[in-house]
């Protein structure tokens, strides 16, 4: 059983590497997945489709982790996200991951601050 902090770091690293298969290897088949402003998703296949759509719309999405807090089988990570082009959006938020005993992500919640266009959009 891995430390939830390390699992959350690994999940973010695989996202930044564009490793969708590696990222989803950490996701439980029946994951409960919810991002701010989006409809809830249930199951790894729905999460896969969502990421495929996200990445088709953006040439790059980089998640920079900040402070990380862990309690039991959960971890909360302060993040800064920049995506684009074409959207060129950035935001700060907190993502909360809950991991099961098999080191699978069973619950995902993303809470965000105001979403603003990045300075690069003006370039």
C-alpha atoms as a PDB file:
ATOM      1  CA  UNK A   1       0.000   0.000   0.000  1.00  0.00           C
ATOM      2  CA  UNK A   2       1.656   3.198  -1.227  1.00  0.00           C
ATOM      3  CA  UNK A   3       1.520   6.568   0.481  1.00  0.00           C
ATOM      4  CA  UNK A   4      -1.421   8.667  -0.848  1.00  0.00           C
ATOM      5  CA  UNK A   5       0.874  11.681  -1.280  1.00  0.00           C
ATOM      6  CA  UNK A   6       3.151   9.716  -3.595  1.00  0.00           C
ATOM      7  CA  UNK A   7       0.190   8.333  -5.541  1.00  0.00           C
ATOM      8  CA  UNK A   8      -1.186  11.843  -6.076  1.00  0.00           C
ATOM      9  CA  UNK A   9       2.223  13.104  -7.222  1.00  0.00           C
ATOM     10  CA  UNK A  10       2.471  10.180  -9.637  1.00  0.00           C
ATOM     11  CA  UNK A  11      -1.021  10.903 -11.002  1.00  0.00           C
ATOM     12  CA  UNK A  12      -0.054  14.532 -11.687  1.00  0.00           C
ATOM     13  CA  UNK A  13       3.306  13.548 -13.207  1.00  0.00           C
ATOM     14  CA  UNK A  14       1.624  11.151 -15.623  1.00  0.00           C
ATOM     15  CA  UNK A  15      -0.808  13.902 -16.585  1.00  0.00           C
ATOM     16  CA  UNK A  16       2.053  16.306 -17.333  1.00  0.00           C
ATOM     17  CA  UNK A  17       3.822  13.595 -19.340  1.00  0.00           C
ATOM     18  CA  UNK A  18       0.676  13.101 -21.452  1.00  0.00           C
ATOM     19  CA  UNK A  19       0.603   9.464 -20.317  1.00  0.00           C
ATOM     20  CA  UNK A  20      -3.129   8.751 -20.382  1.00  0.00           C
ATOM     21  CA  UNK A  21      -2.738   4.975 -20.100  1.00  0.00           C
ATOM     22  CA  UNK A  22      -0.327   5.348 -17.193  1.00  0.00           C
ATOM     23  CA  UNK A  23      -2.628   7.799 -15.490  1.00  0.00           C
ATOM     24  CA  UNK A  24      -5.664   5.579 -15.912  1.00  0.00           C
ATOM     25  CA  UNK A  25      -3.714   2.597 -14.566  1.00  0.00           C
ATOM     26  CA  UNK A  26      -4.043   4.397 -11.219  1.00  0.00           C
ATOM     27  CA  UNK A  27      -7.819   4.821 -11.558  1.00  0.00           C
ATOM     28  CA  UNK A  28     -10.392   2.368 -10.188  1.00  0.00           C
ATOM     29  CA  UNK A  29     -12.905   1.024 -12.719  1.00  0.00           C
ATOM     30  CA  UNK A  30     -15.794   2.584 -10.781  1.00  0.00           C
ATOM     31  CA  UNK A  31     -14.158   5.914  -9.864  1.00  0.00           C
ATOM     32  CA  UNK A  32     -16.355   8.777  -8.639  1.00  0.00           C
ATOM     33  CA  UNK A  33     -14.918  11.756 -10.554  1.00  0.00           C
ATOM     34  CA  UNK A  34     -16.038  15.399 -10.308  1.00  0.00           C
ATOM     35  CA  UNK A  35     -14.407  18.595 -11.550  1.00  0.00           C
ATOM     36  CA  UNK A  36     -15.647  22.077 -10.709  1.00  0.00           C
ATOM     37  CA  UNK A  37     -18.307  23.176 -13.178  1.00  0.00           C
ATOM     38  CA  UNK A  38     -18.548  19.772 -14.888  1.00  0.00           C
ATOM     39  CA  UNK A  39     -21.074  16.983 -14.585  1.00  0.00           C
ATOM     40  CA  UNK A  40     -19.954  14.087 -12.368  1.00  0.00           C
ATOM     41  CA  UNK A  41     -18.381  11.118 -14.128  1.00  0.00           C
ATOM     42  CA  UNK A  42     -18.606   7.502 -13.045  1.00  0.00           C
ATOM     43  CA  UNK A  43     -16.103   4.915 -14.169  1.00  0.00           C
ATOM     44  CA  UNK A  44     -12.661   4.833 -15.728  1.00  0.00           C
ATOM     45  CA  UNK A  45     -13.984   4.736 -19.295  1.00  0.00           C
ATOM     46  CA  UNK A  46     -15.871   8.030 -18.762  1.00  0.00           C
ATOM     47  CA  UNK A  47     -12.733   9.599 -17.282  1.00  0.00           C
ATOM     48  CA  UNK A  48     -10.688   8.371 -20.277  1.00  0.00           C
ATOM     49  CA  UNK A  49     -13.148   9.978 -22.712  1.00  0.00           C
ATOM     50  CA  UNK A  50     -13.070  13.249 -20.755  1.00  0.00           C
ATOM     51  CA  UNK A  51      -9.265  13.446 -20.830  1.00  0.00           C
ATOM     52  CA  UNK A  52      -9.188  12.543 -24.524  1.00  0.00           C
ATOM     53  CA  UNK A  53     -11.601  15.415 -25.215  1.00  0.00           C
ATOM     54  CA  UNK A  54      -9.623  17.799 -22.989  1.00  0.00           C
ATOM     55  CA  UNK A  55      -6.316  16.973 -24.622  1.00  0.00           C
ATOM     56  CA  UNK A  56      -7.780  17.173 -28.127  1.00  0.00           C
ATOM     57  CA  UNK A  57      -8.819  20.765 -27.353  1.00  0.00           C
ATOM     58  CA  UNK A  58      -5.461  21.862 -25.915  1.00  0.00           C
ATOM     59  CA  UNK A  59      -1.965  21.340 -27.211  1.00  0.00           C
ATOM     60  CA  UNK A  60      -0.708  21.349 -23.645  1.00  0.00           C
ATOM     61  CA  UNK A  61      -2.110  21.251 -20.109  1.00  0.00           C
ATOM     62  CA  UNK A  62       0.462  21.597 -17.331  1.00  0.00           C
ATOM     63  CA  UNK A  63      -0.412  21.028 -13.687  1.00  0.00           C
ATOM     64  CA  UNK A  64       2.077  22.467 -11.207  1.00  0.00           C
ATOM     65  CA  UNK A  65       1.604  21.008  -7.730  1.00  0.00           C
ATOM     66  CA  UNK A  66       2.056  23.140  -4.636  1.00  0.00           C
ATOM     67  CA  UNK A  67       1.431  22.211  -1.046  1.00  0.00           C
ATOM     68  CA  UNK A  68       0.204  18.696  -0.451  1.00  0.00           C
ATOM     69  CA  UNK A  69      -1.778  17.529   2.561  1.00  0.00           C
ATOM     70  CA  UNK A  70      -2.512  13.890   3.362  1.00  0.00           C
ATOM     71  CA  UNK A  71      -4.833  12.253   5.851  1.00  0.00           C
ATOM     72  CA  UNK A  72      -5.527   8.546   5.914  1.00  0.00           C
ATOM     73  CA  UNK A  73      -5.997   7.332   2.330  1.00  0.00           C
ATOM     74  CA  UNK A  74      -6.653  10.845   0.954  1.00  0.00           C
ATOM     75  CA  UNK A  75      -4.433  13.620  -0.351  1.00  0.00           C
ATOM     76  CA  UNK A  76      -5.250  17.239  -1.173  1.00  0.00           C
ATOM     77  CA  UNK A  77      -2.920  19.092  -3.528  1.00  0.00           C
ATOM     78  CA  UNK A  78      -2.888  22.808  -4.257  1.00  0.00           C
ATOM     79  CA  UNK A  79      -2.379  23.131  -8.015  1.00  0.00           C
ATOM     80  CA  UNK A  80      -1.778  25.725 -10.682  1.00  0.00           C
ATOM     81  CA  UNK A  81      -3.027  24.755 -14.150  1.00  0.00           C
ATOM     82  CA  UNK A  82      -2.140  26.330 -17.502  1.00  0.00           C
ATOM     83  CA  UNK A  83      -3.688  25.067 -20.724  1.00  0.00           C
ATOM     84  CA  UNK A  84      -3.469  26.009 -24.333  1.00  0.00           C
ATOM     85  CA  UNK A  85      -3.415  26.841 -27.023  1.00  0.00           C
ATOM     86  CA  UNK A  86      -6.084  27.461 -28.152  1.00  0.00           C
ATOM     87  CA  UNK A  87      -7.741  28.189 -24.796  1.00  0.00           C
ATOM     88  CA  UNK A  88      -4.773  29.715 -22.959  1.00  0.00           C
ATOM     89  CA  UNK A  89      -6.521  29.446 -19.601  1.00  0.00           C
ATOM     90  CA  UNK A  90      -4.933  29.260 -16.178  1.00  0.00           C
ATOM     91  CA  UNK A  91      -6.359  28.690 -12.735  1.00  0.00           C
ATOM     92  CA  UNK A  92      -5.445  27.739  -9.210  1.00  0.00           C
ATOM     93  CA  UNK A  93      -7.298  25.084  -7.318  1.00  0.00           C
ATOM     94  CA  UNK A  94      -7.225  22.120  -5.016  1.00  0.00           C
ATOM     95  CA  UNK A  95      -7.601  18.538  -6.130  1.00  0.00           C
ATOM     96  CA  UNK A  96      -8.588  15.905  -3.596  1.00  0.00           C
ATOM     97  CA  UNK A  97      -7.756  12.265  -4.294  1.00  0.00           C
ATOM     98  CA  UNK A  98      -9.012   9.300  -2.296  1.00  0.00           C
ATOM     99  CA  UNK A  99      -7.087   6.046  -2.758  1.00  0.00           C
ATOM    100  CA  UNK A 100      -8.189   2.510  -1.922  1.00  0.00           C
ATOM    101  CA  UNK A 101      -6.093  -0.259  -0.370  1.00  0.00           C
ATOM    102  CA  UNK A 102      -5.005  -1.407  -3.852  1.00  0.00           C
ATOM    103  CA  UNK A 103      -3.581   2.070  -4.620  1.00  0.00           C
ATOM    104  CA  UNK A 104      -6.401   2.875  -7.036  1.00  0.00           C
ATOM    105  CA  UNK A 105      -7.997   6.316  -7.209  1.00  0.00           C
ATOM    106  CA  UNK A 106     -11.615   5.872  -6.136  1.00  0.00           C
ATOM    107  CA  UNK A 107     -12.715   9.499  -5.663  1.00  0.00           C
ATOM    108  CA  UNK A 108     -11.537  12.675  -7.417  1.00  0.00           C
ATOM    109  CA  UNK A 109     -12.700  16.222  -6.646  1.00  0.00           C
ATOM    110  CA  UNK A 110     -11.363  19.413  -8.228  1.00  0.00           C
ATOM    111  CA  UNK A 111     -12.157  22.785  -6.667  1.00  0.00           C
ATOM    112  CA  UNK A 112     -10.981  25.890  -8.523  1.00  0.00           C
ATOM    113  CA  UNK A 113     -10.544  29.608  -8.062  1.00  0.00           C
ATOM    114  CA  UNK A 114     -11.561  31.987 -10.816  1.00  0.00           C
ATOM    115  CA  UNK A 115     -10.476  30.877 -14.277  1.00  0.00           C
ATOM    116  CA  UNK A 116      -8.637  33.615 -16.156  1.00  0.00           C
ATOM    117  CA  UNK A 117      -6.984  33.902 -19.574  1.00  0.00           C
ATOM    118  CA  UNK A 118      -3.237  33.475 -19.321  1.00  0.00           C
ATOM    119  CA  UNK A 119      -0.818  36.263 -20.175  1.00  0.00           C
ATOM    120  CA  UNK A 120       0.376  34.154 -23.100  1.00  0.00           C
ATOM    121  CA  UNK A 121      -3.013  34.609 -24.785  1.00  0.00           C
ATOM    122  CA  UNK A 122      -2.129  38.262 -25.375  1.00  0.00           C
ATOM    123  CA  UNK A 123       1.152  37.329 -27.110  1.00  0.00           C
END
